[in-house]
Amino acid sequence: MITLTINGTKSKVDADPGTPLLWVLRDHLQLTGTKYGCGIAQCGACTVHLDGRAIRSCVTPVSMASGKQVTTIEGLAETSLGKSVQSAWQEVDVPQCGYCQSGQIMAAAALLKDNPHPSESQISAAMDGILCRCGTYNGIRSAILRAAQLSGGAK
């Protein structure tokens, strides 16, 4: 049994320690907002926060999350920063197919937590590697700038 703290709630899961965190979140805990995209940490659809840092859950063994705080898109929605990012996403009308959006939002929130006043180049660097097949990168950048304003960051 592995004890995890997911979105502020402790849970025990019976999983092999090498199981990717993504599958524990989705299959054991029914937190399906985190998406499977590639399985090799190249697309970012599976991004979650581990102790506040954006990580790829498809390649992170669940054992690495034991004793740490894991935040998923479901938990981020409960924070003021998460609400700001999600509001900006809706205001700018970013999603098209929506598949990558939880990973995009998680990466954006991690950026804004560390840097509440990001420049466009800092946004591009932070979001590099979070793939969007619909190509909504300009909207994503605009939404991050708007989220910074909503959360008291960018002026």
C-alpha atoms as a PDB file:
ATOM      1  CA  MET A   1       0.000   0.000   0.000  1.00  0.00           C
ATOM      2  CA  ILE A   2       1.221   3.467  -0.901  1.00  0.00           C
ATOM      3  CA  THR A   3      -0.088   6.533   0.906  1.00  0.00           C
ATOM      4  CA  LEU A   4      -0.572   9.580  -1.291  1.00  0.00           C
ATOM      5  CA  THR A   5      -1.827  13.079  -0.629  1.00  0.00           C
ATOM      6  CA  ILE A   6      -3.835  14.078  -3.667  1.00  0.00           C
ATOM      7  CA  ASN A   7      -5.529  17.473  -3.745  1.00  0.00           C
ATOM      8  CA  GLY A   8      -5.137  17.698   0.028  1.00  0.00           C
ATOM      9  CA  THR A   9      -6.705  14.310   0.742  1.00  0.00           C
ATOM     10  CA  LYS A  10      -4.751  11.291   1.930  1.00  0.00           C
ATOM     11  CA  SER A  11      -5.436   8.077   0.069  1.00  0.00           C
ATOM     12  CA  LYS A  12      -3.992   4.589   0.234  1.00  0.00           C
ATOM     13  CA  VAL A  13      -3.595   2.733  -3.004  1.00  0.00           C
ATOM     14  CA  ASP A  14      -2.608  -0.829  -3.664  1.00  0.00           C
ATOM     15  CA  ALA A  15      -0.296  -0.357  -6.625  1.00  0.00           C
ATOM     16  CA  ASP A  16       3.147  -1.490  -7.645  1.00  0.00           C
ATOM     17  CA  PRO A  17       5.616   1.290  -6.670  1.00  0.00           C
ATOM     18  CA  GLY A  18       6.772   1.509 -10.289  1.00  0.00           C
ATOM     19  CA  THR A  19       3.286   2.171 -11.668  1.00  0.00           C
ATOM     20  CA  PRO A  20       3.121   5.574 -13.346  1.00  0.00           C
ATOM     21  CA  LEU A  21       1.355   8.148 -11.189  1.00  0.00           C
ATOM     22  CA  LEU A  22      -0.956   8.875 -14.132  1.00  0.00           C
ATOM     23  CA  TRP A  23      -2.507   5.407 -13.980  1.00  0.00           C
ATOM     24  CA  VAL A  24      -2.921   5.538 -10.206  1.00  0.00           C
ATOM     25  CA  LEU A  25      -4.707   8.881 -10.518  1.00  0.00           C
ATOM     26  CA  ARG A  26      -6.964   7.718 -13.335  1.00  0.00           C
ATOM     27  CA  ASP A  27      -7.541   4.034 -12.568  1.00  0.00           C
ATOM     28  CA  HIS A  28      -7.280   3.802  -8.788  1.00  0.00           C
ATOM     29  CA  LEU A  29      -8.551   7.227  -7.704  1.00  0.00           C
ATOM     30  CA  GLN A  30     -10.912   8.002 -10.639  1.00  0.00           C
ATOM     31  CA  LEU A  31      -9.322  11.436 -11.195  1.00  0.00           C
ATOM     32  CA  THR A  32      -9.667  11.439 -14.959  1.00  0.00           C
ATOM     33  CA  GLY A  33      -8.928  15.112 -15.645  1.00  0.00           C
ATOM     34  CA  THR A  34      -5.258  14.240 -16.098  1.00  0.00           C
ATOM     35  CA  LYS A  35      -4.913  12.859 -19.626  1.00  0.00           C
ATOM     36  CA  TYR A  36      -2.746  10.227 -21.260  1.00  0.00           C
ATOM     37  CA  GLY A  37      -1.130  11.560 -24.411  1.00  0.00           C
ATOM     38  CA  CYS A  38       2.122   9.849 -25.296  1.00  0.00           C
ATOM     39  CA  GLY A  39       3.436   7.885 -22.304  1.00  0.00           C
ATOM     40  CA  ILE A  40       6.998   9.178 -22.784  1.00  0.00           C
ATOM     41  CA  ALA A  41       6.804  12.687 -21.240  1.00  0.00           C
ATOM     42  CA  GLN A  42       6.869  14.424 -24.609  1.00  0.00           C
ATOM     43  CA  CYS A  43       3.404  15.974 -24.896  1.00  0.00           C
ATOM     44  CA  GLY A  44       2.511  17.268 -21.421  1.00  0.00           C
ATOM     45  CA  ALA A  45      -1.136  16.170 -21.384  1.00  0.00           C
ATOM     46  CA  CYS A  46      -0.426  14.321 -18.126  1.00  0.00           C
ATOM     47  CA  THR A  47       1.051  17.311 -16.258  1.00  0.00           C
ATOM     48  CA  VAL A  48       0.277  17.511 -12.533  1.00  0.00           C
ATOM     49  CA  HIS A  49       1.987  19.302  -9.654  1.00  0.00           C
ATOM     50  CA  LEU A  50       4.259  17.428  -7.265  1.00  0.00           C
ATOM     51  CA  ASP A  51       5.046  19.677  -4.304  1.00  0.00           C
ATOM     52  CA  GLY A  52       4.095  22.631  -6.509  1.00  0.00           C
ATOM     53  CA  ARG A  53       6.326  21.703  -9.461  1.00  0.00           C
ATOM     54  CA  ALA A  54       4.850  20.731 -12.826  1.00  0.00           C
ATOM     55  CA  ILE A  55       5.806  17.125 -13.636  1.00  0.00           C
ATOM     56  CA  ARG A  56       4.804  14.528 -16.223  1.00  0.00           C
ATOM     57  CA  SER A  57       2.785  11.896 -14.409  1.00  0.00           C
ATOM     58  CA  CYS A  58       3.055   9.340 -17.236  1.00  0.00           C
ATOM     59  CA  VAL A  59       6.733   8.706 -16.402  1.00  0.00           C
ATOM     60  CA  THR A  60       6.723   9.449 -12.660  1.00  0.00           C
ATOM     61  CA  PRO A  61       6.537   6.279 -10.569  1.00  0.00           C
ATOM     62  CA  VAL A  62       3.828   6.495  -7.931  1.00  0.00           C
ATOM     63  CA  SER A  63       6.492   5.769  -5.299  1.00  0.00           C
ATOM     64  CA  MET A  64       8.005   9.207  -6.057  1.00  0.00           C
ATOM     65  CA  ALA A  65       4.745  10.848  -4.942  1.00  0.00           C
ATOM     66  CA  SER A  66       4.631   9.147  -1.544  1.00  0.00           C
ATOM     67  CA  GLY A  67       4.989  11.752   1.191  1.00  0.00           C
ATOM     68  CA  LYS A  68       4.546  14.644  -1.255  1.00  0.00           C
ATOM     69  CA  GLN A  69       1.636  16.842  -2.243  1.00  0.00           C
ATOM     70  CA  VAL A  70       0.091  15.979  -5.605  1.00  0.00           C
ATOM     71  CA  THR A  71      -2.285  18.446  -7.224  1.00  0.00           C
ATOM     72  CA  THR A  72      -4.351  17.474 -10.243  1.00  0.00           C
ATOM     73  CA  ILE A  73      -6.543  19.652 -12.440  1.00  0.00           C
ATOM     74  CA  GLU A  74      -9.448  18.763 -10.132  1.00  0.00           C
ATOM     75  CA  GLY A  75      -7.601  20.124  -7.101  1.00  0.00           C
ATOM     76  CA  LEU A  76      -6.228  23.156  -8.904  1.00  0.00           C
ATOM     77  CA  ALA A  77      -9.803  24.248  -9.580  1.00  0.00           C
ATOM     78  CA  GLU A  78     -10.222  24.729  -5.819  1.00  0.00           C
ATOM     79  CA  THR A  79      -7.399  27.303  -5.527  1.00  0.00           C
ATOM     80  CA  SER A  80      -7.605  31.021  -6.270  1.00  0.00           C
ATOM     81  CA  LEU A  81      -4.773  30.758  -8.808  1.00  0.00           C
ATOM     82  CA  GLY A  82      -6.457  27.783 -10.449  1.00  0.00           C
ATOM     83  CA  LYS A  83      -9.730  29.675 -10.680  1.00  0.00           C
ATOM     84  CA  SER A  84      -7.923  32.647 -12.244  1.00  0.00           C
ATOM     85  CA  VAL A  85      -6.236  30.449 -14.847  1.00  0.00           C
ATOM     86  CA  GLN A  86      -9.425  28.594 -15.683  1.00  0.00           C
ATOM     87  CA  SER A  87     -11.403  31.858 -15.914  1.00  0.00           C
ATOM     88  CA  ALA A  88      -8.789  33.309 -18.267  1.00  0.00           C
ATOM     89  CA  TRP A  89      -8.915  30.138 -20.385  1.00  0.00           C
ATOM     90  CA  GLN A  90     -12.672  30.560 -20.755  1.00  0.00           C
ATOM     91  CA  GLU A  91     -12.517  34.327 -21.302  1.00  0.00           C
ATOM     92  CA  VAL A  92      -9.934  33.975 -24.090  1.00  0.00           C
ATOM     93  CA  ASP A  93     -11.793  30.904 -25.429  1.00  0.00           C
ATOM     94  CA  VAL A  94      -8.636  28.790 -25.629  1.00  0.00           C
ATOM     95  CA  PRO A  95      -9.879  25.192 -25.916  1.00  0.00           C
ATOM     96  CA  GLN A  96     -10.735  23.621 -29.199  1.00  0.00           C
ATOM     97  CA  CYS A  97     -10.682  19.848 -28.787  1.00  0.00           C
ATOM     98  CA  GLY A  98      -9.644  20.358 -25.154  1.00  0.00           C
ATOM     99  CA  TYR A  99      -7.526  17.243 -24.793  1.00  0.00           C
ATOM    100  CA  CYS A 100      -4.296  19.015 -23.826  1.00  0.00           C
ATOM    101  CA  GLN A 101      -5.950  21.693 -21.738  1.00  0.00           C
ATOM    102  CA  SER A 102      -5.535  20.151 -18.285  1.00  0.00           C
ATOM    103  CA  GLY A 103      -1.802  19.807 -18.917  1.00  0.00           C
ATOM    104  CA  GLN A 104      -1.623  23.337 -20.333  1.00  0.00           C
ATOM    105  CA  ILE A 105      -3.491  24.777 -17.340  1.00  0.00           C
ATOM    106  CA  MET A 106      -1.338  22.868 -14.830  1.00  0.00           C
ATOM    107  CA  ALA A 107       1.871  24.107 -16.485  1.00  0.00           C
ATOM    108  CA  ALA A 108       0.518  27.675 -16.640  1.00  0.00           C
ATOM    109  CA  ALA A 109      -0.440  27.628 -12.950  1.00  0.00           C
ATOM    110  CA  ALA A 110       3.022  26.368 -11.965  1.00  0.00           C
ATOM    111  CA  LEU A 111       4.587  29.180 -14.010  1.00  0.00           C
ATOM    112  CA  LEU A 112       2.377  31.852 -12.430  1.00  0.00           C
ATOM    113  CA  LYS A 113       2.996  30.513  -8.946  1.00  0.00           C
ATOM    114  CA  ASP A 114       6.762  30.882  -9.450  1.00  0.00           C
ATOM    115  CA  ASN A 115       6.598  33.995 -11.635  1.00  0.00           C
ATOM    116  CA  PRO A 116       3.445  36.100 -11.249  1.00  0.00           C
ATOM    117  CA  HIS A 117       4.720  38.634 -13.833  1.00  0.00           C
ATOM    118  CA  PRO A 118       5.942  36.491 -16.760  1.00  0.00           C
ATOM    119  CA  SER A 119       7.022  37.983 -20.051  1.00  0.00           C
ATOM    120  CA  GLU A 120       5.849  36.423 -23.305  1.00  0.00           C
ATOM    121  CA  SER A 121       9.263  34.787 -23.757  1.00  0.00           C
ATOM    122  CA  GLN A 122       9.107  33.331 -20.232  1.00  0.00           C
ATOM    123  CA  ILE A 123       5.638  31.994 -20.987  1.00  0.00           C
ATOM    124  CA  SER A 124       6.883  30.413 -24.218  1.00  0.00           C
ATOM    125  CA  ALA A 125       9.814  28.802 -22.387  1.00  0.00           C
ATOM    126  CA  ALA A 126       7.623  27.463 -19.582  1.00  0.00           C
ATOM    127  CA  MET A 127       5.034  26.062 -21.968  1.00  0.00           C
ATOM    128  CA  ASP A 128       7.551  24.566 -24.392  1.00  0.00           C
ATOM    129  CA  GLY A 129       6.831  20.885 -24.777  1.00  0.00           C
ATOM    130  CA  ILE A 130       3.154  21.039 -23.807  1.00  0.00           C
ATOM    131  CA  LEU A 131       1.743  20.090 -27.185  1.00  0.00           C
ATOM    132  CA  CYS A 132      -1.557  21.265 -28.595  1.00  0.00           C
ATOM    133  CA  ARG A 133      -2.653  19.492 -31.736  1.00  0.00           C
ATOM    134  CA  CYS A 134      -5.162  22.252 -32.461  1.00  0.00           C
ATOM    135  CA  GLY A 135      -2.414  24.881 -32.392  1.00  0.00           C
ATOM    136  CA  THR A 136      -4.001  27.240 -29.850  1.00  0.00           C
ATOM    137  CA  TYR A 137      -0.608  28.514 -28.665  1.00  0.00           C
ATOM    138  CA  ASN A 138      -1.417  32.203 -29.190  1.00  0.00           C
ATOM    139  CA  GLY A 139      -4.614  31.814 -27.191  1.00  0.00           C
ATOM    140  CA  ILE A 140      -2.766  29.937 -24.468  1.00  0.00           C
ATOM    141  CA  ARG A 141      -0.179  32.725 -24.206  1.00  0.00           C
ATOM    142  CA  SER A 142      -2.956  35.352 -24.082  1.00  0.00           C
ATOM    143  CA  ALA A 143      -4.819  33.392 -21.419  1.00  0.00           C
ATOM    144  CA  ILE A 144      -1.695  33.121 -19.251  1.00  0.00           C
ATOM    145  CA  LEU A 145      -1.165  36.883 -19.471  1.00  0.00           C
ATOM    146  CA  ARG A 146      -4.830  37.396 -18.585  1.00  0.00           C
ATOM    147  CA  ALA A 147      -4.602  34.919 -15.681  1.00  0.00           C
ATOM    148  CA  ALA A 148      -1.618  36.877 -14.368  1.00  0.00           C
ATOM    149  CA  GLN A 149      -3.787  40.005 -14.362  1.00  0.00           C
ATOM    150  CA  LEU A 150      -6.703  38.208 -12.695  1.00  0.00           C
ATOM    151  CA  SER A 151      -4.481  36.788  -9.965  1.00  0.00           C
ATOM    152  CA  GLY A 152      -2.755  40.111  -9.301  1.00  0.00           C
ATOM    153  CA  GLY A 153       0.381  39.364 -11.339  1.00  0.00           C
ATOM    154  CA  ALA A 154       0.970  41.063 -14.691  1.00  0.00           C
ATOM    155  CA  LYS A 155      -0.112  44.672 -14.895  1.00  0.00           C
END
